[in-house]
Each structure stands twice: as structure tokens, then as C-alpha cells.
Amino acid sequence: PATIIHRDDVVKALEFALDNRLAGVYNLVNDISDTKASYMGAIVAAAGGEPINWVGHGTGPKTLSNQKIKDAGYVFLDPLAERDGQALL
């Protein structure tokens, strides 16, 4: 999946972790289920660009979950990376 996160979510999540004294490892990724190629391809197409020719794909899907930080009470500002996509246009 496309692992995108807005800088405002990074700052807010760090403040949340400090305020709530969270310990351990937490993944700060959005809720996008699209592949990176699909997500970035849609952004490029919306901007009128040429399709991306991806070279050197990794081996198999890699999954990161943000469930642990959401279970701790964190709410993402941009869970579907809509602001991120618009910022790239």
C-alpha cells in the first residue's frame, strides 16, 4: 500500500504520544489500501502528467498497520491522504 502521512499528522501524533506517555513502536501511516503505483498514478493523471514507469518493484506487498496508535486514541487528520494528494498537484 501507499504509505503516506501528512506532516501535520506527524506533529500531532508526536504531541499525542508525549501527552499520553505512549511507549513502544507505533506506525504512522494512513488508511490507504491502494498500491503506491495506483495512488501516485492517480495524482500524476490528475495533474495531466505522463504515466509513471515503475522500475525495480519490491518483492511482494508489505503491510503496516496504524491500528495500535488508533487503539490508543489517536485520530488522523488526513487518514486517506486527500490533503497529501492535493498538495502534490
PDB file of N, CA and C in Angstrom:
ATOM      1  N   PRO A   1       0.817  -1.209   0.000  1.00  0.00           N
ATOM      2  CA  PRO A   1       0.000   0.000   0.000  1.00  0.00           C
ATOM      3  C   PRO A   1       0.856   1.266   0.000  1.00  0.00           C
ATOM      4  N   ALA A   2       0.233   2.345  -0.394  1.00  0.00           N
ATOM      5  CA  ALA A   2       0.916   3.640  -0.381  1.00  0.00           C
ATOM      6  C   ALA A   2       0.999   4.108   1.064  1.00  0.00           C
ATOM      7  N   THR A   3       2.189   4.219   1.588  1.00  0.00           N
ATOM      8  CA  THR A   3       2.360   4.649   2.978  1.00  0.00           C
ATOM      9  C   THR A   3       2.693   6.132   2.996  1.00  0.00           C
ATOM     10  N   ILE A   4       1.645   6.922   3.062  1.00  0.00           N
ATOM     11  CA  ILE A   4       1.744   8.376   3.017  1.00  0.00           C
ATOM     12  C   ILE A   4       1.248   8.908   4.359  1.00  0.00           C
ATOM     13  N   ILE A   5       1.876   9.967   4.834  1.00  0.00           N
ATOM     14  CA  ILE A   5       1.365  10.633   6.034  1.00  0.00           C
ATOM     15  C   ILE A   5       1.664  12.123   5.916  1.00  0.00           C
ATOM     16  N   HIS A   6       0.704  12.922   6.289  1.00  0.00           N
ATOM     17  CA  HIS A   6       0.859  14.376   6.227  1.00  0.00           C
ATOM     18  C   HIS A   6       1.721  14.839   7.396  1.00  0.00           C
ATOM     19  N   ARG A   7       2.526  15.852   7.158  1.00  0.00           N
ATOM     20  CA  ARG A   7       3.424  16.353   8.222  1.00  0.00           C
ATOM     21  C   ARG A   7       2.637  16.804   9.449  1.00  0.00           C
ATOM     22  N   ASP A   8       1.426  17.337   9.248  1.00  0.00           N
ATOM     23  CA  ASP A   8       0.610  17.754  10.394  1.00  0.00           C
ATOM     24  C   ASP A   8       0.230  16.555  11.264  1.00  0.00           C
ATOM     25  N   ASP A   9       0.016  15.403  10.628  1.00  0.00           N
ATOM     26  CA  ASP A   9      -0.267  14.195  11.400  1.00  0.00           C
ATOM     27  C   ASP A   9       0.964  13.737  12.171  1.00  0.00           C
ATOM     28  N   VAL A  10       2.143  13.899  11.604  1.00  0.00           N
ATOM     29  CA  VAL A  10       3.375  13.529  12.316  1.00  0.00           C
ATOM     30  C   VAL A  10       3.507  14.375  13.578  1.00  0.00           C
ATOM     31  N   VAL A  11       3.329  15.682  13.434  1.00  0.00           N
ATOM     32  CA  VAL A  11       3.453  16.592  14.580  1.00  0.00           C
ATOM     33  C   VAL A  11       2.384  16.283  15.623  1.00  0.00           C
ATOM     34  N   LYS A  12       1.139  16.127  15.167  1.00  0.00           N
ATOM     35  CA  LYS A  12       0.036  15.852  16.095  1.00  0.00           C
ATOM     36  C   LYS A  12       0.246  14.509  16.805  1.00  0.00           C
ATOM     37  N   ALA A  13       0.722  13.495  16.083  1.00  0.00           N
ATOM     38  CA  ALA A  13       0.943  12.176  16.683  1.00  0.00           C
ATOM     39  C   ALA A  13       2.065  12.220  17.717  1.00  0.00           C
ATOM     40  N   LEU A  14       3.114  12.994  17.443  1.00  0.00           N
ATOM     41  CA  LEU A  14       4.193  13.136  18.427  1.00  0.00           C
ATOM     42  C   LEU A  14       3.678  13.814  19.693  1.00  0.00           C
ATOM     43  N   GLU A  15       2.891  14.872  19.532  1.00  0.00           N
ATOM     44  CA  GLU A  15       2.297  15.539  20.691  1.00  0.00           C
ATOM     45  C   GLU A  15       1.391  14.571  21.459  1.00  0.00           C
ATOM     46  N   PHE A  16       0.594  13.800  20.722  1.00  0.00           N
ATOM     47  CA  PHE A  16      -0.305  12.818  21.336  1.00  0.00           C
ATOM     48  C   PHE A  16       0.488  11.783  22.135  1.00  0.00           C
ATOM     49  N   ALA A  17       1.568  11.284  21.538  1.00  0.00           N
ATOM     50  CA  ALA A  17       2.399  10.275  22.207  1.00  0.00           C
ATOM     51  C   ALA A  17       3.019  10.832  23.486  1.00  0.00           C
ATOM     52  N   LEU A  18       3.506  12.060  23.430  1.00  0.00           N
ATOM     53  CA  LEU A  18       4.102  12.674  24.617  1.00  0.00           C
ATOM     54  C   LEU A  18       3.046  12.937  25.690  1.00  0.00           C
ATOM     55  N   ASP A  19       1.926  13.515  25.278  1.00  0.00           N
ATOM     56  CA  ASP A  19       0.855  13.829  26.231  1.00  0.00           C
ATOM     57  C   ASP A  19       0.301  12.579  26.910  1.00  0.00           C
ATOM     58  N   ASN A  20       0.276  11.466  26.176  1.00  0.00           N
ATOM     59  CA  ASN A  20      -0.305  10.229  26.693  1.00  0.00           C
ATOM     60  C   ASN A  20       0.744   9.222  27.152  1.00  0.00           C
ATOM     61  N   ARG A  21       1.991   9.676  27.169  1.00  0.00           N
ATOM     62  CA  ARG A  21       3.107   8.836  27.638  1.00  0.00           C
ATOM     63  C   ARG A  21       3.126   7.458  26.973  1.00  0.00           C
ATOM     64  N   LEU A  22       2.934   7.465  25.651  1.00  0.00           N
ATOM     65  CA  LEU A  22       2.966   6.202  24.914  1.00  0.00           C
ATOM     66  C   LEU A  22       4.393   5.681  24.863  1.00  0.00           C
ATOM     67  N   ALA A  23       4.536   4.385  24.951  1.00  0.00           N
ATOM     68  CA  ALA A  23       5.845   3.743  24.850  1.00  0.00           C
ATOM     69  C   ALA A  23       5.764   2.658  23.786  1.00  0.00           C
ATOM     70  N   GLY A  24       6.866   2.392  23.142  1.00  0.00           N
ATOM     71  CA  GLY A  24       6.896   1.344  22.135  1.00  0.00           C
ATOM     72  C   GLY A  24       6.922   1.908  20.730  1.00  0.00           C
ATOM     73  N   VAL A  25       6.666   1.037  19.784  1.00  0.00           N
ATOM     74  CA  VAL A  25       6.718   1.396  18.366  1.00  0.00           C
ATOM     75  C   VAL A  25       5.300   1.543  17.832  1.00  0.00           C
ATOM     76  N   TYR A  26       5.053   2.646  17.148  1.00  0.00           N
ATOM     77  CA  TYR A  26       3.762   2.914  16.534  1.00  0.00           C
ATOM     78  C   TYR A  26       3.996   3.282  15.076  1.00  0.00           C
ATOM     79  N   ASN A  27       3.202   2.702  14.186  1.00  0.00           N
ATOM     80  CA  ASN A  27       3.306   3.028  12.764  1.00  0.00           C
ATOM     81  C   ASN A  27       2.420   4.225  12.452  1.00  0.00           C
ATOM     82  N   LEU A  28       3.013   5.254  11.891  1.00  0.00           N
ATOM     83  CA  LEU A  28       2.251   6.427  11.465  1.00  0.00           C
ATOM     84  C   LEU A  28       2.089   6.358   9.957  1.00  0.00           C
ATOM     85  N   VAL A  29       1.040   5.682   9.549  1.00  0.00           N
ATOM     86  CA  VAL A  29       0.706   5.572   8.134  1.00  0.00           C
ATOM     87  C   VAL A  29      -0.788   5.809   7.999  1.00  0.00           C
ATOM     88  N   ASN A  30      -1.199   6.194   6.799  1.00  0.00           N
ATOM     89  CA  ASN A  30      -2.605   6.479   6.563  1.00  0.00           C
ATOM     90  C   ASN A  30      -3.404   5.191   6.376  1.00  0.00           C
ATOM     91  N   ASP A  31      -4.657   5.342   6.017  1.00  0.00           N
ATOM     92  CA  ASP A  31      -5.554   4.202   5.814  1.00  0.00           C
ATOM     93  C   ASP A  31      -5.719   3.825   4.344  1.00  0.00           C
ATOM     94  N   ILE A  32      -4.840   4.282   3.479  1.00  0.00           N
ATOM     95  CA  ILE A  32      -4.950   3.992   2.045  1.00  0.00           C
ATOM     96  C   ILE A  32      -4.683   2.516   1.792  1.00  0.00           C
ATOM     97  N   SER A  33      -5.555   1.895   1.006  1.00  0.00           N
ATOM     98  CA  SER A  33      -5.336   0.495   0.644  1.00  0.00           C
ATOM     99  C   SER A  33      -4.795   0.364  -0.775  1.00  0.00           C
ATOM    100  N   ASP A  34      -4.786   1.464  -1.535  1.00  0.00           N
ATOM    101  CA  ASP A  34      -4.227   1.447  -2.893  1.00  0.00           C
ATOM    102  C   ASP A  34      -2.737   1.170  -2.852  1.00  0.00           C
ATOM    103  N   THR A  35      -2.228   0.624  -3.941  1.00  0.00           N
ATOM    104  CA  THR A  35      -0.783   0.471  -4.066  1.00  0.00           C
ATOM    105  C   THR A  35      -0.164   1.842  -4.288  1.00  0.00           C
ATOM    106  N   LYS A  36       1.118   1.937  -4.041  1.00  0.00           N
ATOM    107  CA  LYS A  36       1.821   3.194  -4.293  1.00  0.00           C
ATOM    108  C   LYS A  36       1.692   3.580  -5.765  1.00  0.00           C
ATOM    109  N   ALA A  37       1.814   2.601  -6.662  1.00  0.00           N
ATOM    110  CA  ALA A  37       1.710   2.875  -8.097  1.00  0.00           C
ATOM    111  C   ALA A  37       0.334   3.433  -8.445  1.00  0.00           C
ATOM    112  N   SER A  38      -0.720   2.858  -7.871  1.00  0.00           N
ATOM    113  CA  SER A  38      -2.075   3.320  -8.147  1.00  0.00           C
ATOM    114  C   SER A  38      -2.306   4.716  -7.577  1.00  0.00           C
ATOM    115  N   TYR A  39      -1.903   4.934  -6.327  1.00  0.00           N
ATOM    116  CA  TYR A  39      -2.093   6.228  -5.666  1.00  0.00           C
ATOM    117  C   TYR A  39      -1.333   7.338  -6.394  1.00  0.00           C
ATOM    118  N   MET A  40      -0.046   7.104  -6.629  1.00  0.00           N
ATOM    119  CA  MET A  40       0.767   8.126  -7.296  1.00  0.00           C
ATOM    120  C   MET A  40       0.352   8.290  -8.755  1.00  0.00           C
ATOM    121  N   GLY A  41      -0.053   7.191  -9.398  1.00  0.00           N
ATOM    122  CA  GLY A  41      -0.530   7.269 -10.779  1.00  0.00           C
ATOM    123  C   GLY A  41      -1.752   8.161 -10.903  1.00  0.00           C
ATOM    124  N   ALA A  42      -2.673   8.074  -9.937  1.00  0.00           N
ATOM    125  CA  ALA A  42      -3.871   8.914  -9.955  1.00  0.00           C
ATOM    126  C   ALA A  42      -3.513  10.387  -9.778  1.00  0.00           C
ATOM    127  N   ILE A  43      -2.541  10.667  -8.930  1.00  0.00           N
ATOM    128  CA  ILE A  43      -2.109  12.051  -8.722  1.00  0.00           C
ATOM    129  C   ILE A  43      -1.469  12.605  -9.991  1.00  0.00           C
ATOM    130  N   VAL A  44      -0.608  11.809 -10.608  1.00  0.00           N
ATOM    131  CA  VAL A  44       0.050  12.241 -11.848  1.00  0.00           C
ATOM    132  C   VAL A  44      -0.991  12.460 -12.944  1.00  0.00           C
ATOM    133  N   ALA A  45      -1.958  11.547 -13.066  1.00  0.00           N
ATOM    134  CA  ALA A  45      -3.004  11.686 -14.080  1.00  0.00           C
ATOM    135  C   ALA A  45      -3.839  12.941 -13.838  1.00  0.00           C
ATOM    136  N   ALA A  46      -4.175  13.220 -12.567  1.00  0.00           N
ATOM    137  CA  ALA A  46      -4.959  14.415 -12.240  1.00  0.00           C
ATOM    138  C   ALA A  46      -4.214  15.692 -12.598  1.00  0.00           C
ATOM    139  N   ALA A  47      -2.896  15.628 -12.557  1.00  0.00           N
ATOM    140  CA  ALA A  47      -2.078  16.795 -12.905  1.00  0.00           C
ATOM    141  C   ALA A  47      -1.786  16.850 -14.402  1.00  0.00           C
ATOM    142  N   GLY A  48      -2.293  15.853 -15.155  1.00  0.00           N
ATOM    143  CA  GLY A  48      -2.078  15.840 -16.600  1.00  0.00           C
ATOM    144  C   GLY A  48      -0.721  15.296 -17.011  1.00  0.00           C
ATOM    145  N   GLY A  49      -0.069  14.590 -16.129  1.00  0.00           N
ATOM    146  CA  GLY A  49       1.259  14.060 -16.426  1.00  0.00           C
ATOM    147  C   GLY A  49       1.220  12.726 -17.138  1.00  0.00           C
ATOM    148  N   GLU A  50       2.378  12.309 -17.590  1.00  0.00           N
ATOM    149  CA  GLU A  50       2.533  11.013 -18.248  1.00  0.00           C
ATOM    150  C   GLU A  50       2.494   9.902 -17.199  1.00  0.00           C
ATOM    151  N   PRO A  51       2.013   8.720 -17.583  1.00  0.00           N
ATOM    152  CA  PRO A  51       2.005   7.601 -16.633  1.00  0.00           C
ATOM    153  C   PRO A  51       3.410   7.297 -16.115  1.00  0.00           C
ATOM    154  N   ILE A  52       3.466   6.843 -14.881  1.00  0.00           N
ATOM    155  CA  ILE A  52       4.744   6.508 -14.255  1.00  0.00           C
ATOM    156  C   ILE A  52       5.189   5.129 -14.718  1.00  0.00           C
ATOM    157  N   ASN A  53       6.453   5.011 -15.086  1.00  0.00           N
ATOM    158  CA  ASN A  53       7.037   3.716 -15.423  1.00  0.00           C
ATOM    159  C   ASN A  53       7.841   3.266 -14.210  1.00  0.00           C
ATOM    160  N   TRP A  54       7.252   2.394 -13.403  1.00  0.00           N
ATOM    161  CA  TRP A  54       7.892   1.948 -12.171  1.00  0.00           C
ATOM    162  C   TRP A  54       8.987   0.941 -12.486  1.00  0.00           C
ATOM    163  N   VAL A  55      10.149   1.154 -11.930  1.00  0.00           N
ATOM    164  CA  VAL A  55      11.291   0.272 -12.144  1.00  0.00           C
ATOM    165  C   VAL A  55      11.718  -0.298 -10.794  1.00  0.00           C
ATOM    166  N   GLY A  56      12.021  -1.567 -10.758  1.00  0.00           N
ATOM    167  CA  GLY A  56      12.544  -2.167  -9.534  1.00  0.00           C
ATOM    168  C   GLY A  56      11.526  -2.327  -8.434  1.00  0.00           C
ATOM    169  N   HIS A  57      10.376  -2.890  -8.766  1.00  0.00           N
ATOM    170  CA  HIS A  57       9.365  -3.153  -7.737  1.00  0.00           C
ATOM    171  C   HIS A  57       9.934  -4.051  -6.651  1.00  0.00           C
ATOM    172  N   GLY A  58       9.517  -3.824  -5.435  1.00  0.00           N
ATOM    173  CA  GLY A  58       9.932  -4.673  -4.322  1.00  0.00           C
ATOM    174  C   GLY A  58       9.292  -6.050  -4.431  1.00  0.00           C
ATOM    175  N   THR A  59       9.674  -6.923  -3.567  1.00  0.00           N
ATOM    176  CA  THR A  59       9.130  -8.278  -3.586  1.00  0.00           C
ATOM    177  C   THR A  59       7.900  -8.363  -2.699  1.00  0.00           C
ATOM    178  N   GLY A  60       6.764  -8.499  -3.315  1.00  0.00           N
ATOM    179  CA  GLY A  60       5.525  -8.716  -2.589  1.00  0.00           C
ATOM    180  C   GLY A  60       5.025  -7.519  -1.811  1.00  0.00           C
ATOM    181  N   PRO A  61       3.766  -7.596  -1.392  1.00  0.00           N
ATOM    182  CA  PRO A  61       3.185  -6.490  -0.625  1.00  0.00           C
ATOM    183  C   PRO A  61       3.751  -6.435   0.792  1.00  0.00           C
ATOM    184  N   LYS A  62       3.897  -5.236   1.269  1.00  0.00           N
ATOM    185  CA  LYS A  62       4.331  -5.024   2.646  1.00  0.00           C
ATOM    186  C   LYS A  62       3.187  -4.315   3.362  1.00  0.00           C
ATOM    187  N   THR A  63       2.867  -4.764   4.532  1.00  0.00           N
ATOM    188  CA  THR A  63       1.736  -4.207   5.249  1.00  0.00           C
ATOM    189  C   THR A  63       2.196  -3.568   6.552  1.00  0.00           C
ATOM    190  N   LEU A  64       1.793  -2.324   6.744  1.00  0.00           N
ATOM    191  CA  LEU A  64       1.993  -1.633   8.011  1.00  0.00           C
ATOM    192  C   LEU A  64       0.611  -1.311   8.556  1.00  0.00           C
ATOM    193  N   SER A  65       0.446  -1.436   9.839  1.00  0.00           N
ATOM    194  CA  SER A  65      -0.840  -1.142  10.450  1.00  0.00           C
ATOM    195  C   SER A  65      -0.713   0.033  11.406  1.00  0.00           C
ATOM    196  N   ASN A  66      -1.692   0.929  11.327  1.00  0.00           N
ATOM    197  CA  ASN A  66      -1.750   2.053  12.256  1.00  0.00           C
ATOM    198  C   ASN A  66      -2.740   1.778  13.391  1.00  0.00           C
ATOM    199  N   GLN A  67      -3.220   0.550  13.472  1.00  0.00           N
ATOM    200  CA  GLN A  67      -4.265   0.219  14.441  1.00  0.00           C
ATOM    201  C   GLN A  67      -3.831   0.460  15.884  1.00  0.00           C
ATOM    202  N   LYS A  68      -2.571   0.207  16.197  1.00  0.00           N
ATOM    203  CA  LYS A  68      -2.095   0.357  17.577  1.00  0.00           C
ATOM    204  C   LYS A  68      -2.251   1.798  18.064  1.00  0.00           C
ATOM    205  N   ILE A  69      -1.872   2.768  17.240  1.00  0.00           N
ATOM    206  CA  ILE A  69      -1.993   4.165  17.681  1.00  0.00           C
ATOM    207  C   ILE A  69      -3.454   4.609  17.666  1.00  0.00           C
ATOM    208  N   LYS A  70      -4.251   4.075  16.742  1.00  0.00           N
ATOM    209  CA  LYS A  70      -5.680   4.393  16.747  1.00  0.00           C
ATOM    210  C   LYS A  70      -6.349   3.802  17.985  1.00  0.00           C
ATOM    211  N   ASP A  71      -5.937   2.601  18.378  1.00  0.00           N
ATOM    212  CA  ASP A  71      -6.474   1.996  19.605  1.00  0.00           C
ATOM    213  C   ASP A  71      -6.106   2.816  20.840  1.00  0.00           C
ATOM    214  N   ALA A  72      -4.976   3.521  20.776  1.00  0.00           N
ATOM    215  CA  ALA A  72      -4.550   4.380  21.888  1.00  0.00           C
ATOM    216  C   ALA A  72      -5.352   5.678  21.928  1.00  0.00           C
ATOM    217  N   GLY A  73      -6.146   5.942  20.872  1.00  0.00           N
ATOM    218  CA  GLY A  73      -6.997   7.123  20.849  1.00  0.00           C
ATOM    219  C   GLY A  73      -6.623   8.184  19.838  1.00  0.00           C
ATOM    220  N   TYR A  74      -5.566   7.950  19.061  1.00  0.00           N
ATOM    221  CA  TYR A  74      -5.164   8.951  18.077  1.00  0.00           C
ATOM    222  C   TYR A  74      -6.128   8.928  16.894  1.00  0.00           C
ATOM    223  N   VAL A  75      -6.500  10.113  16.415  1.00  0.00           N
ATOM    224  CA  VAL A  75      -7.354  10.256  15.239  1.00  0.00           C
ATOM    225  C   VAL A  75      -6.560  11.025  14.191  1.00  0.00           C
ATOM    226  N   PHE A  76      -6.347  10.412  13.042  1.00  0.00           N
ATOM    227  CA  PHE A  76      -5.581  11.041  11.972  1.00  0.00           C
ATOM    228  C   PHE A  76      -6.339  12.222  11.376  1.00  0.00           C
ATOM    229  N   LEU A  77      -5.612  13.284  11.081  1.00  0.00           N
ATOM    230  CA  LEU A  77      -6.192  14.457  10.433  1.00  0.00           C
ATOM    231  C   LEU A  77      -6.524  14.162   8.977  1.00  0.00           C
ATOM    232  N   ASP A  78      -5.704  13.330   8.337  1.00  0.00           N
ATOM    233  CA  ASP A  78      -5.841  13.049   6.907  1.00  0.00           C
ATOM    234  C   ASP A  78      -5.686  11.547   6.657  1.00  0.00           C
ATOM    235  N   PRO A  79      -6.640  10.725   7.135  1.00  0.00           N
ATOM    236  CA  PRO A  79      -6.469   9.275   7.068  1.00  0.00           C
ATOM    237  C   PRO A  79      -6.403   8.708   5.657  1.00  0.00           C
ATOM    238  N   LEU A  80      -6.992   9.378   4.689  1.00  0.00           N
ATOM    239  CA  LEU A  80      -6.974   8.875   3.315  1.00  0.00           C
ATOM    240  C   LEU A  80      -6.006   9.640   2.425  1.00  0.00           C
ATOM    241  N   ALA A  81      -5.170  10.455   3.032  1.00  0.00           N
ATOM    242  CA  ALA A  81      -4.140  11.222   2.321  1.00  0.00           C
ATOM    243  C   ALA A  81      -4.723  12.095   1.220  1.00  0.00           C
ATOM    244  N   GLU A  82      -5.900  12.626   1.450  1.00  0.00           N
ATOM    245  CA  GLU A  82      -6.516  13.507   0.461  1.00  0.00           C
ATOM    246  C   GLU A  82      -5.796  14.848   0.403  1.00  0.00           C
ATOM    247  N   ARG A  83      -5.423  15.390   1.551  1.00  0.00           N
ATOM    248  CA  ARG A  83      -4.659  16.646   1.551  1.00  0.00           C
ATOM    249  C   ARG A  83      -3.288  16.426   0.950  1.00  0.00           C
ATOM    250  N   ASP A  84      -2.697  15.263   1.240  1.00  0.00           N
ATOM    251  CA  ASP A  84      -1.375  14.962   0.687  1.00  0.00           C
ATOM    252  C   ASP A  84      -1.426  14.935  -0.826  1.00  0.00           C
ATOM    253  N   GLY A  85      -2.423  14.274  -1.374  1.00  0.00           N
ATOM    254  CA  GLY A  85      -2.556  14.197  -2.823  1.00  0.00           C
ATOM    255  C   GLY A  85      -2.760  15.565  -3.441  1.00  0.00           C
ATOM    256  N   GLN A  86      -3.599  16.384  -2.828  1.00  0.00           N
ATOM    257  CA  GLN A  86      -3.833  17.729  -3.348  1.00  0.00           C
ATOM    258  C   GLN A  86      -2.577  18.581  -3.261  1.00  0.00           C
ATOM    259  N   ALA A  87      -1.791  18.388  -2.213  1.00  0.00           N
ATOM    260  CA  ALA A  87      -0.566  19.169  -2.047  1.00  0.00           C
ATOM    261  C   ALA A  87       0.457  18.830  -3.120  1.00  0.00           C
ATOM    262  N   LEU A  88       0.353  17.630  -3.683  1.00  0.00           N
ATOM    263  CA  LEU A  88       1.298  17.232  -4.722  1.00  0.00           C
ATOM    264  C   LEU A  88       0.918  17.776  -6.088  1.00  0.00           C
ATOM    265  N   LEU A  89      -0.326  18.255  -6.244  1.00  0.00           N
ATOM    266  CA  LEU A  89      -0.756  18.779  -7.550  1.00  0.00           C
ATOM    267  C   LEU A  89      -0.252  20.179  -7.782  1.00  0.00           C
TER     268      LEU A  89
END
